[in-house]
Amino acid sequence: MEVLQFLGTWHGLATATNSDWFLGKLKCIPCLAQLNLTADGNIELTRSYIWPENSPRSVTTYAVTSEPGVFHAKTLKGGYPIEFRVLETDYNKIAIAVAYMNDGDRKFTVVKLLSRTRDTSADTVDKFEDYTLKKGLTKANIVFSPKKRGECSPPSNTSPIVEEP
């Protein structure tokens, strides 16, 4: 994997996870990720949300490893380890990635469908769903980001999420 080609802006189109926290948080909030190279050769991920306006941003530094497409970081709260793997990318349109993390007691898998734009093909969505199933998740674990405001509303039983696990 070519790290320099992977840098830039990526839209989070879909997330699949076995974490209820992530499912609740991502239900109706499209995410935008900006990847930049740090002075020491690692990757700085600035994550922001398209709406609501003035949403807080988060910044995480991912260490580049000797294994192509594999990066390590720590969660913002708790400092638990994250392993991020780019499973597939064409650098110009889409990427499918998986993150493995834990909070000390529980292990989580997060599969992401990323795109340089806010759209992708049905074939890419199918491929993402296949990866999700291969990682032991189900279609019920998938949340697609809305393309425009008002396209979805969180379930009434979803409580506000205020902090990361």
N, C-alpha and C. Protein backbone atom coordinates (compact mmCIF):
# COMPACT_ATOMS: atom_id res chain seq x y z
N MET A 1 0.84 -1.18 0.00
CA MET A 1 0.00 0.00 0.00
C MET A 1 0.88 1.24 0.00
N GLU A 2 0.49 2.21 -0.77
CA GLU A 2 1.21 3.48 -0.88
C GLU A 2 0.59 4.52 0.05
N VAL A 3 1.23 4.78 1.17
CA VAL A 3 0.68 5.68 2.18
C VAL A 3 0.40 7.07 1.60
N LEU A 4 1.32 7.62 0.83
CA LEU A 4 1.15 8.97 0.30
C LEU A 4 -0.08 9.08 -0.60
N GLN A 5 -0.40 8.04 -1.35
CA GLN A 5 -1.60 8.07 -2.20
C GLN A 5 -2.89 7.96 -1.39
N PHE A 6 -2.78 7.41 -0.17
CA PHE A 6 -3.95 7.22 0.68
C PHE A 6 -4.32 8.50 1.44
N LEU A 7 -3.41 9.44 1.52
CA LEU A 7 -3.67 10.69 2.25
C LEU A 7 -4.76 11.51 1.56
N GLY A 8 -5.30 12.46 2.29
CA GLY A 8 -6.32 13.34 1.73
C GLY A 8 -7.66 13.16 2.41
N THR A 9 -8.70 13.55 1.72
CA THR A 9 -10.05 13.54 2.27
C THR A 9 -10.80 12.28 1.88
N TRP A 10 -11.45 11.67 2.87
CA TRP A 10 -12.29 10.48 2.67
C TRP A 10 -13.62 10.71 3.37
N HIS A 11 -14.70 10.35 2.69
CA HIS A 11 -16.05 10.38 3.28
C HIS A 11 -16.37 9.00 3.83
N GLY A 12 -16.90 8.97 5.05
CA GLY A 12 -17.36 7.71 5.62
C GLY A 12 -18.76 7.40 5.11
N LEU A 13 -18.87 6.43 4.21
CA LEU A 13 -20.18 6.10 3.62
C LEU A 13 -20.94 5.06 4.43
N ALA A 14 -20.22 4.15 5.06
CA ALA A 14 -20.88 3.10 5.83
C ALA A 14 -19.92 2.57 6.88
N THR A 15 -20.50 2.10 7.97
CA THR A 15 -19.74 1.50 9.06
C THR A 15 -20.49 0.25 9.50
N ALA A 16 -19.74 -0.80 9.74
CA ALA A 16 -20.30 -2.02 10.32
C ALA A 16 -19.51 -2.32 11.58
N THR A 17 -20.20 -2.60 12.66
CA THR A 17 -19.51 -2.85 13.92
C THR A 17 -20.33 -3.69 14.87
N ASN A 18 -19.65 -4.34 15.77
CA ASN A 18 -20.32 -5.08 16.84
C ASN A 18 -20.36 -4.24 18.12
N SER A 19 -20.13 -2.95 18.00
CA SER A 19 -20.18 -2.05 19.15
C SER A 19 -21.47 -1.23 19.11
N ASP A 20 -22.30 -1.40 20.10
CA ASP A 20 -23.54 -0.62 20.19
C ASP A 20 -23.23 0.87 20.30
N TRP A 21 -22.12 1.22 20.97
CA TRP A 21 -21.74 2.61 21.12
C TRP A 21 -21.54 3.26 19.75
N PHE A 22 -20.76 2.59 18.88
CA PHE A 22 -20.51 3.13 17.55
C PHE A 22 -21.78 3.18 16.72
N LEU A 23 -22.59 2.13 16.79
CA LEU A 23 -23.83 2.12 16.00
C LEU A 23 -24.72 3.29 16.38
N GLY A 24 -24.87 3.55 17.67
CA GLY A 24 -25.70 4.66 18.13
C GLY A 24 -25.12 6.01 17.73
N LYS A 25 -23.81 6.15 17.83
CA LYS A 25 -23.17 7.43 17.52
C LYS A 25 -23.22 7.75 16.04
N LEU A 26 -23.09 6.74 15.19
CA LEU A 26 -22.96 6.97 13.75
C LEU A 26 -24.28 6.90 13.00
N LYS A 27 -25.36 6.67 13.68
CA LYS A 27 -26.64 6.40 13.03
C LYS A 27 -27.00 7.42 11.95
N CYS A 28 -26.82 8.69 12.22
CA CYS A 28 -27.27 9.71 11.26
C CYS A 28 -26.27 10.84 11.10
N ILE A 29 -25.00 10.56 11.31
CA ILE A 29 -24.01 11.62 11.25
C ILE A 29 -22.93 11.26 10.23
N PRO A 30 -22.96 11.88 9.07
CA PRO A 30 -21.92 11.61 8.08
C PRO A 30 -20.56 12.13 8.56
N CYS A 31 -19.54 11.32 8.39
CA CYS A 31 -18.20 11.64 8.86
C CYS A 31 -17.29 11.99 7.69
N LEU A 32 -16.41 12.92 7.94
CA LEU A 32 -15.41 13.31 6.96
C LEU A 32 -14.05 13.12 7.63
N ALA A 33 -13.13 12.42 6.94
CA ALA A 33 -11.80 12.17 7.49
C ALA A 33 -10.76 12.84 6.61
N GLN A 34 -9.84 13.53 7.25
CA GLN A 34 -8.72 14.15 6.55
C GLN A 34 -7.45 13.48 7.06
N LEU A 35 -6.70 12.86 6.15
CA LEU A 35 -5.47 12.17 6.52
C LEU A 35 -4.27 12.98 6.03
N ASN A 36 -3.37 13.28 6.95
CA ASN A 36 -2.17 14.05 6.63
C ASN A 36 -0.95 13.33 7.18
N LEU A 37 0.17 13.54 6.53
CA LEU A 37 1.43 12.96 6.98
C LEU A 37 2.03 13.86 8.05
N THR A 38 2.49 13.27 9.14
CA THR A 38 3.15 14.04 10.20
C THR A 38 4.63 14.18 9.87
N ALA A 39 5.31 15.04 10.60
CA ALA A 39 6.74 15.26 10.38
C ALA A 39 7.55 13.98 10.58
N ASP A 40 7.07 13.11 11.46
CA ASP A 40 7.82 11.87 11.72
C ASP A 40 7.35 10.70 10.86
N GLY A 41 6.53 10.97 9.84
CA GLY A 41 6.14 9.94 8.88
C GLY A 41 4.94 9.11 9.26
N ASN A 42 4.21 9.51 10.29
CA ASN A 42 2.98 8.81 10.65
C ASN A 42 1.79 9.53 10.02
N ILE A 43 0.60 9.04 10.32
CA ILE A 43 -0.61 9.63 9.73
C ILE A 43 -1.45 10.27 10.82
N GLU A 44 -1.82 11.53 10.58
CA GLU A 44 -2.73 12.23 11.48
C GLU A 44 -4.12 12.21 10.86
N LEU A 45 -5.06 11.64 11.58
CA LEU A 45 -6.45 11.57 11.13
C LEU A 45 -7.25 12.62 11.88
N THR A 46 -7.81 13.56 11.13
CA THR A 46 -8.73 14.54 11.70
C THR A 46 -10.12 14.14 11.26
N ARG A 47 -10.95 13.79 12.22
CA ARG A 47 -12.31 13.33 11.95
C ARG A 47 -13.26 14.45 12.31
N SER A 48 -14.14 14.79 11.37
CA SER A 48 -15.16 15.80 11.64
C SER A 48 -16.49 15.29 11.09
N TYR A 49 -17.54 15.95 11.50
CA TYR A 49 -18.88 15.55 11.08
C TYR A 49 -19.48 16.67 10.26
N ILE A 50 -20.16 16.30 9.18
CA ILE A 50 -20.72 17.28 8.26
C ILE A 50 -21.84 18.08 8.94
N TRP A 51 -22.63 17.43 9.75
CA TRP A 51 -23.60 18.10 10.58
C TRP A 51 -23.78 17.28 11.83
N PRO A 52 -24.23 17.80 12.91
CA PRO A 52 -24.63 19.18 13.08
C PRO A 52 -23.44 20.13 12.99
N GLU A 53 -23.74 21.38 12.65
CA GLU A 53 -22.70 22.38 12.52
C GLU A 53 -21.97 22.53 13.85
N ASN A 54 -20.72 22.92 13.76
CA ASN A 54 -19.87 23.13 14.94
C ASN A 54 -19.67 21.88 15.77
N SER A 55 -19.80 20.71 15.14
CA SER A 55 -19.52 19.46 15.84
C SER A 55 -18.04 19.42 16.19
N PRO A 56 -17.71 18.81 17.32
CA PRO A 56 -16.29 18.74 17.68
C PRO A 56 -15.53 17.85 16.71
N ARG A 57 -14.27 18.16 16.51
CA ARG A 57 -13.38 17.34 15.69
C ARG A 57 -12.54 16.50 16.62
N SER A 58 -12.05 15.39 16.11
CA SER A 58 -11.10 14.61 16.89
C SER A 58 -9.88 14.35 16.02
N VAL A 59 -8.74 14.28 16.66
CA VAL A 59 -7.49 14.04 15.96
C VAL A 59 -6.81 12.84 16.59
N THR A 60 -6.44 11.87 15.77
CA THR A 60 -5.73 10.69 16.22
C THR A 60 -4.52 10.49 15.33
N THR A 61 -3.39 10.16 15.93
CA THR A 61 -2.20 9.86 15.16
C THR A 61 -2.04 8.35 15.05
N TYR A 62 -1.93 7.88 13.82
CA TYR A 62 -1.73 6.46 13.54
C TYR A 62 -0.29 6.23 13.15
N ALA A 63 0.37 5.30 13.84
CA ALA A 63 1.75 4.96 13.52
C ALA A 63 1.77 4.02 12.32
N VAL A 64 2.61 4.33 11.37
CA VAL A 64 2.81 3.47 10.21
C VAL A 64 3.65 2.28 10.68
N THR A 65 3.25 1.07 10.31
CA THR A 65 4.00 -0.12 10.71
C THR A 65 4.79 -0.66 9.53
N SER A 66 5.55 -1.69 9.77
CA SER A 66 6.34 -2.30 8.69
C SER A 66 5.46 -3.12 7.75
N GLU A 67 4.23 -3.43 8.18
CA GLU A 67 3.29 -4.17 7.34
C GLU A 67 2.47 -3.18 6.51
N PRO A 68 2.53 -3.27 5.18
CA PRO A 68 1.79 -2.32 4.34
C PRO A 68 0.29 -2.30 4.65
N GLY A 69 -0.24 -1.09 4.81
CA GLY A 69 -1.67 -0.92 5.05
C GLY A 69 -2.11 -1.15 6.48
N VAL A 70 -1.17 -1.33 7.41
CA VAL A 70 -1.51 -1.55 8.81
C VAL A 70 -0.96 -0.39 9.64
N PHE A 71 -1.83 0.16 10.50
CA PHE A 71 -1.48 1.31 11.31
C PHE A 71 -1.94 1.07 12.75
N HIS A 72 -1.23 1.63 13.71
CA HIS A 72 -1.58 1.47 15.13
C HIS A 72 -1.82 2.83 15.76
N ALA A 73 -2.78 2.87 16.67
CA ALA A 73 -3.09 4.09 17.42
C ALA A 73 -3.63 3.69 18.78
N LYS A 74 -4.05 4.69 19.53
CA LYS A 74 -4.70 4.45 20.82
C LYS A 74 -6.00 5.26 20.84
N THR A 75 -7.02 4.72 21.52
CA THR A 75 -8.29 5.44 21.63
C THR A 75 -8.06 6.75 22.37
N LEU A 76 -8.88 7.76 22.06
CA LEU A 76 -8.74 9.06 22.68
C LEU A 76 -9.04 8.99 24.17
N LYS A 77 -10.01 8.19 24.54
CA LYS A 77 -10.34 8.02 25.95
C LYS A 77 -9.90 6.62 26.37
N GLY A 78 -9.10 6.55 27.35
CA GLY A 78 -8.66 5.26 27.87
C GLY A 78 -7.32 4.79 27.30
N GLY A 79 -6.94 5.28 26.13
CA GLY A 79 -5.67 4.89 25.55
C GLY A 79 -5.56 3.44 25.15
N TYR A 80 -6.67 2.82 24.81
CA TYR A 80 -6.66 1.41 24.40
C TYR A 80 -6.15 1.27 22.97
N PRO A 81 -5.52 0.14 22.66
CA PRO A 81 -4.93 -0.02 21.33
C PRO A 81 -5.95 -0.17 20.21
N ILE A 82 -5.59 0.40 19.05
CA ILE A 82 -6.37 0.26 17.81
C ILE A 82 -5.43 -0.27 16.74
N GLU A 83 -5.88 -1.28 16.02
CA GLU A 83 -5.17 -1.71 14.82
C GLU A 83 -6.07 -1.42 13.64
N PHE A 84 -5.59 -0.61 12.71
CA PHE A 84 -6.35 -0.20 11.53
C PHE A 84 -5.70 -0.83 10.31
N ARG A 85 -6.50 -1.54 9.51
CA ARG A 85 -5.99 -2.21 8.32
C ARG A 85 -6.78 -1.78 7.09
N VAL A 86 -6.08 -1.32 6.07
CA VAL A 86 -6.72 -1.03 4.79
C VAL A 86 -6.81 -2.35 4.05
N LEU A 87 -8.02 -2.83 3.83
CA LEU A 87 -8.23 -4.11 3.17
C LEU A 87 -8.14 -3.99 1.65
N GLU A 88 -8.69 -2.88 1.17
CA GLU A 88 -8.70 -2.66 -0.28
C GLU A 88 -8.84 -1.18 -0.56
N THR A 89 -8.11 -0.69 -1.56
CA THR A 89 -8.28 0.69 -2.01
C THR A 89 -7.79 0.83 -3.45
N ASP A 90 -8.41 1.75 -4.16
CA ASP A 90 -7.89 2.13 -5.48
C ASP A 90 -7.29 3.53 -5.39
N TYR A 91 -7.25 4.10 -4.19
CA TYR A 91 -6.69 5.41 -3.86
C TYR A 91 -7.51 6.58 -4.40
N ASN A 92 -8.17 6.43 -5.54
CA ASN A 92 -8.88 7.54 -6.18
C ASN A 92 -10.38 7.59 -5.89
N LYS A 93 -10.96 6.43 -5.56
CA LYS A 93 -12.42 6.40 -5.37
C LYS A 93 -12.81 5.80 -4.03
N ILE A 94 -12.38 4.58 -3.73
CA ILE A 94 -12.90 3.90 -2.54
C ILE A 94 -11.79 3.25 -1.73
N ALA A 95 -12.15 2.96 -0.48
CA ALA A 95 -11.30 2.16 0.39
C ALA A 95 -12.22 1.39 1.33
N ILE A 96 -11.83 0.18 1.63
CA ILE A 96 -12.50 -0.62 2.65
C ILE A 96 -11.45 -0.94 3.69
N ALA A 97 -11.77 -0.64 4.93
CA ALA A 97 -10.80 -0.81 6.01
C ALA A 97 -11.47 -1.45 7.21
N VAL A 98 -10.66 -2.03 8.09
CA VAL A 98 -11.17 -2.61 9.32
C VAL A 98 -10.30 -2.13 10.48
N ALA A 99 -10.94 -1.85 11.59
CA ALA A 99 -10.23 -1.48 12.81
C ALA A 99 -10.60 -2.48 13.89
N TYR A 100 -9.60 -2.90 14.62
CA TYR A 100 -9.80 -3.77 15.77
C TYR A 100 -9.41 -2.97 17.00
N MET A 101 -10.27 -2.97 18.00
CA MET A 101 -9.97 -2.24 19.22
C MET A 101 -10.61 -2.92 20.41
N ASN A 102 -10.21 -2.52 21.59
CA ASN A 102 -10.85 -3.03 22.80
C ASN A 102 -10.86 -1.93 23.84
N ASP A 103 -11.69 -2.12 24.85
CA ASP A 103 -11.75 -1.14 25.93
C ASP A 103 -11.27 -1.77 27.23
N GLY A 104 -10.46 -2.80 27.09
CA GLY A 104 -9.95 -3.51 28.26
C GLY A 104 -10.71 -4.79 28.52
N ASP A 105 -12.03 -4.74 28.41
CA ASP A 105 -12.87 -5.92 28.67
C ASP A 105 -13.48 -6.51 27.40
N ARG A 106 -13.83 -5.63 26.46
CA ARG A 106 -14.53 -6.08 25.26
C ARG A 106 -13.70 -5.78 24.03
N LYS A 107 -13.82 -6.65 23.02
CA LYS A 107 -13.14 -6.43 21.75
C LYS A 107 -14.17 -6.02 20.71
N PHE A 108 -13.78 -5.04 19.87
CA PHE A 108 -14.68 -4.51 18.85
C PHE A 108 -14.04 -4.61 17.48
N THR A 109 -14.88 -4.82 16.48
CA THR A 109 -14.48 -4.79 15.09
C THR A 109 -15.29 -3.69 14.42
N VAL A 110 -14.61 -2.86 13.62
CA VAL A 110 -15.28 -1.78 12.90
C VAL A 110 -14.81 -1.85 11.45
N VAL A 111 -15.74 -2.13 10.52
CA VAL A 111 -15.42 -2.16 9.09
C VAL A 111 -15.95 -0.86 8.49
N LYS A 112 -15.11 -0.17 7.71
CA LYS A 112 -15.48 1.13 7.15
C LYS A 112 -15.46 1.09 5.63
N LEU A 113 -16.46 1.72 5.02
CA LEU A 113 -16.48 1.97 3.58
C LEU A 113 -16.21 3.46 3.42
N LEU A 114 -15.10 3.77 2.77
CA LEU A 114 -14.68 5.15 2.57
C LEU A 114 -14.68 5.48 1.09
N SER A 115 -14.96 6.74 0.78
CA SER A 115 -14.98 7.17 -0.62
C SER A 115 -14.44 8.59 -0.72
N ARG A 116 -13.86 8.91 -1.84
CA ARG A 116 -13.39 10.28 -2.06
C ARG A 116 -14.56 11.23 -2.29
N THR A 117 -15.73 10.67 -2.64
CA THR A 117 -16.95 11.46 -2.82
C THR A 117 -18.02 10.90 -1.89
N ARG A 118 -19.20 11.46 -1.93
CA ARG A 118 -20.28 10.97 -1.06
C ARG A 118 -21.13 9.91 -1.72
N ASP A 119 -20.65 9.36 -2.84
CA ASP A 119 -21.37 8.30 -3.55
C ASP A 119 -20.42 7.17 -3.90
N THR A 120 -21.01 6.01 -4.15
CA THR A 120 -20.24 4.87 -4.64
C THR A 120 -21.19 3.95 -5.39
N SER A 121 -20.62 2.94 -6.03
CA SER A 121 -21.43 2.03 -6.84
C SER A 121 -22.07 0.94 -5.99
N ALA A 122 -23.09 0.32 -6.55
CA ALA A 122 -23.74 -0.81 -5.89
C ALA A 122 -22.76 -1.97 -5.73
N ASP A 123 -21.86 -2.15 -6.70
CA ASP A 123 -20.85 -3.21 -6.60
C ASP A 123 -19.94 -2.99 -5.39
N THR A 124 -19.57 -1.73 -5.14
CA THR A 124 -18.72 -1.43 -4.00
C THR A 124 -19.45 -1.69 -2.70
N VAL A 125 -20.72 -1.33 -2.63
CA VAL A 125 -21.52 -1.61 -1.44
C VAL A 125 -21.60 -3.12 -1.22
N ASP A 126 -21.80 -3.89 -2.27
CA ASP A 126 -21.84 -5.36 -2.15
C ASP A 126 -20.52 -5.89 -1.62
N LYS A 127 -19.42 -5.36 -2.13
CA LYS A 127 -18.09 -5.78 -1.68
C LYS A 127 -17.91 -5.47 -0.20
N PHE A 128 -18.34 -4.27 0.21
CA PHE A 128 -18.28 -3.88 1.62
C PHE A 128 -19.10 -4.83 2.49
N GLU A 129 -20.30 -5.14 2.04
CA GLU A 129 -21.15 -6.07 2.80
C GLU A 129 -20.50 -7.45 2.89
N ASP A 130 -19.84 -7.90 1.83
CA ASP A 130 -19.13 -9.19 1.86
C ASP A 130 -18.00 -9.17 2.89
N TYR A 131 -17.22 -8.09 2.91
CA TYR A 131 -16.16 -7.97 3.91
C TYR A 131 -16.74 -7.99 5.32
N THR A 132 -17.86 -7.30 5.49
CA THR A 132 -18.51 -7.25 6.80
C THR A 132 -18.87 -8.65 7.27
N LEU A 133 -19.46 -9.44 6.40
CA LEU A 133 -19.84 -10.80 6.76
C LEU A 133 -18.61 -11.66 7.06
N LYS A 134 -17.54 -11.46 6.28
CA LYS A 134 -16.30 -12.23 6.51
C LYS A 134 -15.66 -11.89 7.86
N LYS A 135 -15.92 -10.72 8.37
CA LYS A 135 -15.37 -10.30 9.66
C LYS A 135 -16.28 -10.71 10.82
N GLY A 136 -17.32 -11.51 10.53
CA GLY A 136 -18.18 -12.03 11.58
C GLY A 136 -19.32 -11.11 11.98
N LEU A 137 -19.56 -10.07 11.20
CA LEU A 137 -20.66 -9.16 11.48
C LEU A 137 -21.84 -9.51 10.58
N THR A 138 -22.98 -8.91 10.84
CA THR A 138 -24.17 -9.17 10.03
C THR A 138 -24.60 -7.87 9.35
N LYS A 139 -25.55 -7.98 8.44
CA LYS A 139 -26.08 -6.78 7.78
C LYS A 139 -26.77 -5.85 8.79
N ALA A 140 -27.26 -6.42 9.90
CA ALA A 140 -27.87 -5.59 10.95
C ALA A 140 -26.83 -4.74 11.66
N ASN A 141 -25.55 -5.07 11.53
CA ASN A 141 -24.47 -4.30 12.13
C ASN A 141 -24.01 -3.13 11.25
N ILE A 142 -24.63 -2.94 10.09
CA ILE A 142 -24.21 -1.92 9.14
C ILE A 142 -25.05 -0.66 9.27
N VAL A 143 -24.38 0.49 9.29
CA VAL A 143 -25.05 1.79 9.26
C VAL A 143 -24.52 2.54 8.05
N PHE A 144 -25.42 2.97 7.17
CA PHE A 144 -25.04 3.79 6.02
C PHE A 144 -25.25 5.25 6.38
N SER A 145 -24.29 6.09 6.05
CA SER A 145 -24.42 7.52 6.33
C SER A 145 -25.44 8.14 5.40
N PRO A 146 -26.26 9.04 5.91
CA PRO A 146 -27.21 9.72 5.03
C PRO A 146 -26.47 10.64 4.08
N LYS A 147 -27.02 10.81 2.89
CA LYS A 147 -26.38 11.69 1.90
C LYS A 147 -26.79 13.14 2.06
N LYS A 148 -27.93 13.36 2.71
CA LYS A 148 -28.35 14.74 2.95
C LYS A 148 -29.10 14.83 4.26
N ARG A 149 -29.09 15.99 4.81
CA ARG A 149 -29.73 16.23 6.10
C ARG A 149 -31.21 15.84 6.03
N GLY A 150 -31.68 15.22 7.11
CA GLY A 150 -33.09 14.87 7.20
C GLY A 150 -33.44 13.52 6.59
N GLU A 151 -32.46 12.81 6.03
CA GLU A 151 -32.76 11.50 5.44
C GLU A 151 -33.04 10.44 6.47
N CYS A 152 -32.58 10.62 7.69
CA CYS A 152 -32.86 9.62 8.71
C CYS A 152 -32.96 10.31 10.05
N SER A 153 -33.54 9.61 10.97
CA SER A 153 -33.57 10.10 12.34
C SER A 153 -33.24 8.93 13.24
N PRO A 154 -32.51 9.18 14.32
CA PRO A 154 -32.14 8.08 15.18
C PRO A 154 -33.37 7.44 15.80
N PRO A 155 -33.30 6.14 16.09
CA PRO A 155 -34.43 5.49 16.76
C PRO A 155 -34.72 6.20 18.08
N SER A 156 -35.99 6.19 18.49
CA SER A 156 -36.37 6.91 19.70
C SER A 156 -35.72 6.32 20.94
N ASN A 157 -35.29 5.07 20.89
CA ASN A 157 -34.66 4.46 22.05
C ASN A 157 -33.14 4.68 22.09
N THR A 158 -32.61 5.48 21.15
CA THR A 158 -31.18 5.75 21.13
C THR A 158 -30.88 6.91 22.07
N SER A 159 -30.03 6.63 23.04
CA SER A 159 -29.66 7.69 23.98
C SER A 159 -28.51 8.49 23.40
N PRO A 160 -28.38 9.75 23.82
CA PRO A 160 -27.27 10.56 23.32
C PRO A 160 -25.93 9.93 23.72
N ILE A 161 -24.99 9.96 22.83
CA ILE A 161 -23.67 9.41 23.09
C ILE A 161 -22.76 10.57 23.44
N VAL A 162 -22.12 10.52 24.59
CA VAL A 162 -21.29 11.63 24.97
C VAL A 162 -19.82 11.29 25.08
N GLU A 163 -19.47 10.04 25.21
CA GLU A 163 -18.06 9.74 25.25
C GLU A 163 -17.74 8.41 24.63
N GLU A 164 -16.52 8.29 24.20
CA GLU A 164 -15.98 7.11 23.53
C GLU A 164 -15.80 6.00 24.55
N PRO A 165 -15.91 4.72 24.13
CA PRO A 165 -15.70 3.63 25.09
C PRO A 165 -14.26 3.62 25.60
